[in-house]
Protein backbone atom coordinates (compact mmCIF):
# COMPACT_ATOMS: atom_id res chain seq x y z
CA MET A 1 260.12 220.22 -146.82
CA ARG A 2 261.88 217.62 -144.69
CA ASP A 3 264.17 220.29 -143.22
CA ALA A 4 261.14 222.42 -142.27
CA LYS A 5 259.50 219.41 -140.59
CA LEU A 6 262.70 218.63 -138.68
CA LEU A 7 262.94 222.26 -137.51
CA ASN A 8 259.36 222.12 -136.22
CA TYR A 9 260.08 218.93 -134.28
CA LEU A 10 263.25 220.46 -132.81
CA HIS A 11 261.25 223.57 -131.90
CA LEU A 12 258.67 221.38 -130.18
CA HIS A 13 261.35 219.68 -128.08
CA LEU A 14 262.78 223.09 -127.23
CA LEU A 15 259.34 224.08 -125.88
CA VAL A 16 259.19 220.90 -123.77
CA PHE A 17 262.69 221.67 -122.48
CA ILE A 18 261.53 225.20 -121.59
CA ALA A 19 258.52 223.72 -119.75
CA GLY A 20 260.85 221.48 -117.76
CA PHE A 21 263.14 224.45 -117.05
CA THR A 22 260.22 226.21 -115.29
CA ALA A 23 260.80 223.97 -112.28
CA ILE A 24 264.52 224.83 -112.29
CA LEU A 25 263.66 228.54 -112.11
CA GLY A 26 261.27 227.78 -109.24
CA GLU A 27 264.23 226.34 -107.33
CA LEU A 28 266.55 229.24 -108.21
CA ILE A 29 264.13 232.07 -107.34
CA THR A 30 264.40 232.81 -103.62
CA ILE A 31 261.10 234.65 -102.95
CA ASP A 32 258.08 232.69 -101.68
CA ALA A 33 255.66 230.95 -104.03
CA ILE A 34 252.81 233.50 -103.78
CA ALA A 35 255.03 236.49 -104.59
CA LEU A 36 256.73 234.48 -107.33
CA VAL A 37 253.44 233.74 -109.08
CA TRP A 38 252.25 237.35 -108.67
CA TYR A 39 255.36 238.67 -110.42
CA ARG A 40 255.18 235.94 -113.07
CA MET A 41 251.54 236.59 -113.96
CA LEU A 42 251.95 240.38 -113.89
CA MET A 43 254.95 240.31 -116.23
CA ALA A 44 253.29 237.74 -118.50
CA THR A 45 250.13 239.87 -118.66
CA VAL A 46 252.10 242.88 -119.87
CA LEU A 47 253.96 240.80 -122.47
CA MET A 48 250.80 239.05 -123.67
CA TYR A 49 248.94 242.37 -123.95
CA ALA A 50 251.81 243.79 -126.03
CA TYR A 51 251.53 240.75 -128.33
CA ILE A 52 247.77 241.23 -128.68
CA ARG A 53 248.18 244.93 -129.52
CA VAL A 54 250.87 244.22 -132.13
CA LYS A 55 248.73 241.51 -133.74
CA GLY A 56 245.57 243.66 -133.53
CA ILE A 57 243.57 240.89 -131.85
CA ASN A 58 240.06 241.81 -130.69
CA ILE A 59 239.65 240.77 -127.03
CA LYS A 60 236.04 241.86 -126.51
CA VAL A 61 233.93 239.07 -124.99
CA PRO A 62 230.58 239.02 -123.09
CA PRO A 63 230.71 239.78 -119.31
CA ARG A 64 229.59 236.25 -118.46
CA THR A 65 232.50 234.85 -120.46
CA ILE A 66 234.92 237.14 -118.62
CA LEU A 67 233.68 235.59 -115.36
CA ARG A 68 234.32 232.10 -116.73
CA PHE A 69 237.82 233.09 -117.82
CA GLY A 70 238.30 234.75 -114.43
CA PHE A 71 237.49 231.53 -112.59
CA ALA A 72 240.00 229.63 -114.74
CA GLY A 73 242.58 232.36 -114.05
CA VAL A 74 242.20 231.81 -110.30
CA ILE A 75 242.64 228.06 -110.85
CA ILE A 76 245.88 228.51 -112.83
CA ALA A 77 247.18 230.96 -110.21
CA LEU A 78 246.51 228.40 -107.46
CA HIS A 79 248.11 225.68 -109.60
CA TRP A 80 251.30 227.69 -109.99
CA ILE A 81 251.35 228.65 -106.29
CA THR A 82 251.04 225.01 -105.18
CA PHE A 83 253.55 223.94 -107.88
CA PHE A 84 256.28 226.33 -106.74
CA GLY A 85 255.27 225.79 -103.11
CA ALA A 86 255.86 222.05 -103.59
CA ILE A 87 259.33 222.70 -105.03
CA LYS A 88 260.25 224.85 -102.04
CA ALA A 89 258.80 222.33 -99.55
CA SER A 90 260.50 219.31 -101.16
CA ASN A 91 262.43 219.36 -104.46
CA ILE A 92 261.95 219.36 -108.23
CA SER A 93 261.89 215.57 -108.63
CA ILE A 94 259.10 215.07 -106.08
CA THR A 95 257.07 217.97 -107.48
CA LEU A 96 257.26 216.92 -111.15
CA SER A 97 256.42 213.31 -110.28
CA MET A 98 253.33 214.38 -108.34
CA VAL A 99 252.19 216.88 -110.99
CA SER A 100 252.40 214.06 -113.56
CA SER A 101 249.43 212.48 -111.77
CA GLY A 102 247.26 215.22 -113.31
CA ALA A 103 246.25 212.76 -116.05
CA PHE A 104 244.46 210.70 -113.39
CA PHE A 105 242.47 213.71 -112.18
CA ALA A 106 241.68 214.69 -115.77
CA SER A 107 240.18 211.23 -116.37
CA ILE A 108 237.73 211.95 -113.52
CA LEU A 109 237.04 215.65 -114.20
CA GLU A 110 236.64 215.45 -117.98
CA PRO A 111 233.56 213.16 -117.94
CA ILE A 112 231.93 215.44 -115.34
CA ILE A 113 232.63 218.78 -117.05
CA HIS A 114 232.32 217.62 -120.66
CA LYS A 115 229.44 215.26 -119.80
CA ARG A 116 230.90 212.21 -121.49
CA LYS A 117 231.17 208.57 -120.44
CA ILE A 118 234.02 207.43 -118.22
CA ILE A 119 236.69 205.65 -120.26
CA LYS A 120 237.68 202.43 -118.52
CA TYR A 121 241.33 202.35 -119.58
CA GLU A 122 241.77 205.91 -118.24
CA MET A 123 240.64 204.72 -114.82
CA VAL A 124 243.04 201.75 -115.02
CA PHE A 125 245.93 204.09 -115.78
CA GLY A 126 244.66 206.31 -112.98
CA PHE A 127 244.97 203.50 -110.45
CA VAL A 128 248.47 202.74 -111.77
CA VAL A 129 249.37 206.40 -111.13
CA VAL A 130 248.01 206.11 -107.57
CA LEU A 131 250.28 203.07 -107.07
CA GLY A 132 253.27 205.14 -108.21
CA VAL A 133 252.34 207.98 -105.84
CA PHE A 134 251.96 205.44 -103.00
CA LEU A 135 255.46 204.06 -103.64
CA ILE A 136 256.97 207.55 -103.59
CA THR A 137 255.08 208.54 -100.45
CA GLN A 138 256.21 205.39 -98.59
CA SER A 139 259.88 206.09 -99.30
CA GLU A 140 259.92 209.90 -99.10
CA LEU A 141 257.83 210.75 -96.03
CA GLN A 142 260.21 213.59 -95.16
CA TYR A 143 258.78 215.40 -98.20
CA ILE A 144 255.12 214.86 -97.29
CA GLU A 145 254.27 218.59 -97.48
CA GLY A 146 255.73 218.80 -100.98
CA ILE A 147 253.90 215.60 -102.00
CA ILE A 148 250.54 216.98 -100.81
CA LEU A 149 251.12 220.34 -102.53
CA GLY A 150 252.24 218.52 -105.69
CA ILE A 151 249.09 216.38 -105.78
CA LEU A 152 246.93 219.47 -105.21
CA SER A 153 248.82 221.20 -108.02
CA ALA A 154 248.14 218.21 -110.29
CA PHE A 155 244.41 218.38 -109.53
CA LEU A 156 244.29 222.14 -110.23
CA SER A 157 246.29 221.65 -113.43
CA ALA A 158 243.82 219.01 -114.64
CA LEU A 159 240.84 221.21 -113.76
CA PHE A 160 242.39 224.15 -115.63
CA ALA A 161 243.15 222.00 -118.69
CA VAL A 162 239.61 220.61 -118.82
CA LEU A 163 238.08 224.10 -118.49
CA ASN A 164 240.36 225.51 -121.17
CA GLY A 165 239.43 222.58 -123.40
CA LYS A 166 235.91 224.02 -123.49
CA PHE A 167 237.04 227.63 -123.97
CA VAL A 168 239.32 227.03 -126.98
CA LYS A 169 236.38 225.72 -128.98
CA GLU A 170 234.89 229.23 -128.94
CA TYR A 171 237.73 231.75 -128.45
CA ARG A 172 241.31 232.39 -129.51
CA PRO A 173 243.89 231.13 -126.99
CA SER A 174 245.46 234.60 -126.65
CA VAL A 175 242.06 236.11 -125.72
CA ILE A 176 241.49 233.43 -123.12
CA SER A 177 244.95 233.82 -121.63
CA ILE A 178 244.95 237.61 -121.23
CA TYR A 179 241.76 237.45 -119.14
CA GLU A 180 243.07 234.49 -117.15
CA PHE A 181 246.36 236.23 -116.41
CA ILE A 182 244.63 239.47 -115.38
CA SER A 183 242.21 237.64 -113.07
CA GLY A 184 245.10 235.63 -111.59
CA VAL A 185 247.00 238.82 -110.76
CA LEU A 186 243.87 240.43 -109.23
CA PHE A 187 243.16 237.32 -107.14
CA ILE A 188 246.69 237.13 -105.73
CA THR A 189 246.74 240.89 -105.15
CA LEU A 190 243.56 240.67 -103.06
CA PHE A 191 244.90 237.67 -101.15
CA ILE A 192 248.18 239.42 -100.30
CA ALA A 193 246.36 242.64 -99.29
CA LEU A 194 243.75 240.88 -97.13
CA PHE A 195 245.52 237.82 -95.73
CA GLY A 196 249.22 238.30 -96.41
CA SER A 197 251.77 240.80 -95.17
CA GLY A 198 250.64 243.38 -97.73
CA PHE A 199 252.59 245.20 -100.41
CA ASN A 200 255.26 246.60 -98.14
CA SER A 201 258.84 247.52 -98.99
CA GLU A 202 259.97 243.96 -98.22
CA PHE A 203 257.60 242.55 -100.87
CA PHE A 204 259.19 244.75 -103.54
CA SER A 205 262.75 244.17 -102.29
CA VAL A 206 263.54 241.58 -104.93
CA SER A 207 267.18 240.93 -105.77
CA PRO A 208 268.40 241.68 -109.32
CA THR A 209 269.09 237.95 -109.78
CA ASP A 210 265.51 237.02 -108.80
CA LEU A 211 264.12 239.73 -111.11
CA TRP A 212 266.16 238.35 -113.98
CA TYR A 213 264.94 234.79 -113.31
CA LEU A 214 261.35 236.08 -113.00
CA PHE A 215 261.63 237.85 -116.33
CA ILE A 216 262.86 234.64 -117.99
CA LEU A 217 260.00 232.75 -116.34
CA ALA A 218 257.37 235.26 -117.52
CA SER A 219 258.75 235.88 -121.00
CA VAL A 220 260.40 232.68 -122.24
CA CYS A 221 258.59 230.08 -120.09
CA THR A 222 255.12 231.70 -120.19
CA ALA A 223 254.42 234.24 -122.95
CA TYR A 224 256.81 232.89 -125.61
CA ALA A 225 256.14 229.22 -124.81
CA PHE A 226 252.39 229.79 -125.04
CA ILE A 227 252.50 231.67 -128.37
CA ALA A 228 255.02 229.23 -129.89
CA SER A 229 253.09 226.12 -128.80
CA VAL A 230 249.95 227.46 -130.49
CA LYS A 231 251.92 228.31 -133.64
CA ILE A 232 253.65 224.94 -133.83
CA MET A 233 250.32 223.09 -133.90
CA GLU A 234 249.87 224.50 -137.42
CA HIS A 235 252.74 222.24 -138.54
CA VAL A 236 252.82 219.33 -136.07
CA SER A 237 249.90 217.04 -135.23
CA PRO A 238 248.14 217.53 -131.85
CA TYR A 239 249.02 213.90 -131.05
CA THR A 240 252.75 214.55 -131.45
CA VAL A 241 252.51 217.79 -129.44
CA MET A 242 250.60 216.15 -126.58
CA LEU A 243 252.84 213.07 -126.46
CA THR A 244 256.03 215.14 -126.56
CA PHE A 245 254.85 217.41 -123.74
CA ASN A 246 254.40 214.32 -121.59
CA LEU A 247 258.22 214.22 -121.57
CA GLU A 248 258.29 217.49 -119.58
CA PRO A 249 258.73 215.80 -116.15
CA ILE A 250 261.52 213.60 -117.53
CA TYR A 251 263.38 216.62 -118.94
CA GLY A 252 262.83 218.52 -115.70
CA ILE A 253 264.05 215.69 -113.44
CA ILE A 254 267.15 215.11 -115.60
CA LEU A 255 267.94 218.85 -115.52
CA ALA A 256 267.44 218.90 -111.74
CA LEU A 257 269.79 215.92 -111.24
CA ILE A 258 272.48 217.68 -113.31
CA LEU A 259 272.10 221.12 -111.67
CA PHE A 260 271.27 220.10 -108.07
CA PRO A 261 272.74 216.59 -107.64
CA GLU A 262 272.87 216.68 -103.83
CA LYS A 263 269.31 217.89 -103.26
CA GLU A 264 267.73 215.82 -106.05
CA LYS A 265 269.26 212.42 -105.30
CA MET A 266 266.38 210.16 -104.27
CA SER A 267 265.77 206.59 -103.08
CA SER A 268 265.24 203.62 -105.42
CA ASN A 269 261.52 203.52 -104.56
CA PHE A 270 261.15 207.09 -105.74
CA TYR A 271 262.49 206.21 -109.19
CA TYR A 272 260.30 203.09 -109.34
CA GLY A 273 257.24 205.16 -108.45
CA ALA A 274 258.15 208.01 -110.81
CA SER A 275 258.70 205.52 -113.66
CA ILE A 276 255.27 203.96 -113.02
CA ILE A 277 253.57 207.40 -113.09
CA LEU A 278 255.38 208.64 -116.21
CA GLY A 279 254.91 205.29 -117.97
CA ALA A 280 251.16 205.36 -117.29
CA VAL A 281 250.89 208.96 -118.55
CA LEU A 282 252.75 208.14 -121.79
CA LEU A 283 250.79 204.92 -122.41
CA ASN A 284 247.50 206.72 -121.78
CA GLY A 285 248.46 209.35 -124.37
CA ILE A 286 249.52 206.75 -126.93
CA LEU A 287 246.36 204.65 -126.47
CA LYS A 288 244.01 207.66 -126.50
CA ASN A 289 245.44 209.06 -129.71
CA TRP A 290 245.66 205.63 -131.38
CA LYS A 291 241.93 205.21 -130.79
CA ALA A 292 241.27 208.72 -132.13
CA LEU A 293 243.20 207.95 -135.33
CA LYS A 294 241.36 204.64 -135.67
CA ARG A 295 237.98 206.45 -135.47
CA LYS A 296 239.03 208.93 -138.17
CA ARG A 297 240.04 206.16 -140.57
CA SER A 298 236.83 204.15 -140.09
């Protein structure tokens, strides 16, 4: 029993490592962010559909629900585009630090969308996150484009998470995801056709190395990570899962420092600011779940 529990915890940390490795792939893949996300979502859609067919999952939902999923799919597509765009405009460390501020946006969006009261300590942690972002911005002005894209990515990530929080109460995660992935692909396809350079020969001239990295991104970091994270929650508490995934930016930044030491070396103020943001995110998670456990016991 203990061995099985240990294996589940190790599996969970592997998933967090995979999540952090997503940013590394974003640095390694040479095509632009929009094309990158189009390929990622298209490949992930095919893999997810294959999983649904093998499992015999019924994906029929009302048309109105498809529209809701479609909207969320556009949000996640924009989140990924701004995420990878931030990496290409700055670096992995800046991007992951900014995306960590998503907890602050979630503390604002959740009361609006879920119609609940604002939690005071969430706002306090939110202001602490803003302080961390301010410190980073002051010392890393040369990366201002990446900082702005990273903050926008954090907002979109929080919006997507809050929307999905409503969906999972009614539908299976795999059903939600297949519609979100399809709508994301359709949205980016329309954008490229109408406002981009179109689907010309250059768009499809992707190097074998990039295709290999894209396949890893779509299969291991998207389809597999999603299915495994859902499965692991059958054996590990949601609190442990949530708290462990807050380590994703730390794993990602450490990996980036090892793999790209020259590009990822930052000023002291950056590390002070990043520590403040990550500390606030972890403390918010600990406090939130401690209060949830306290309510269950009373």
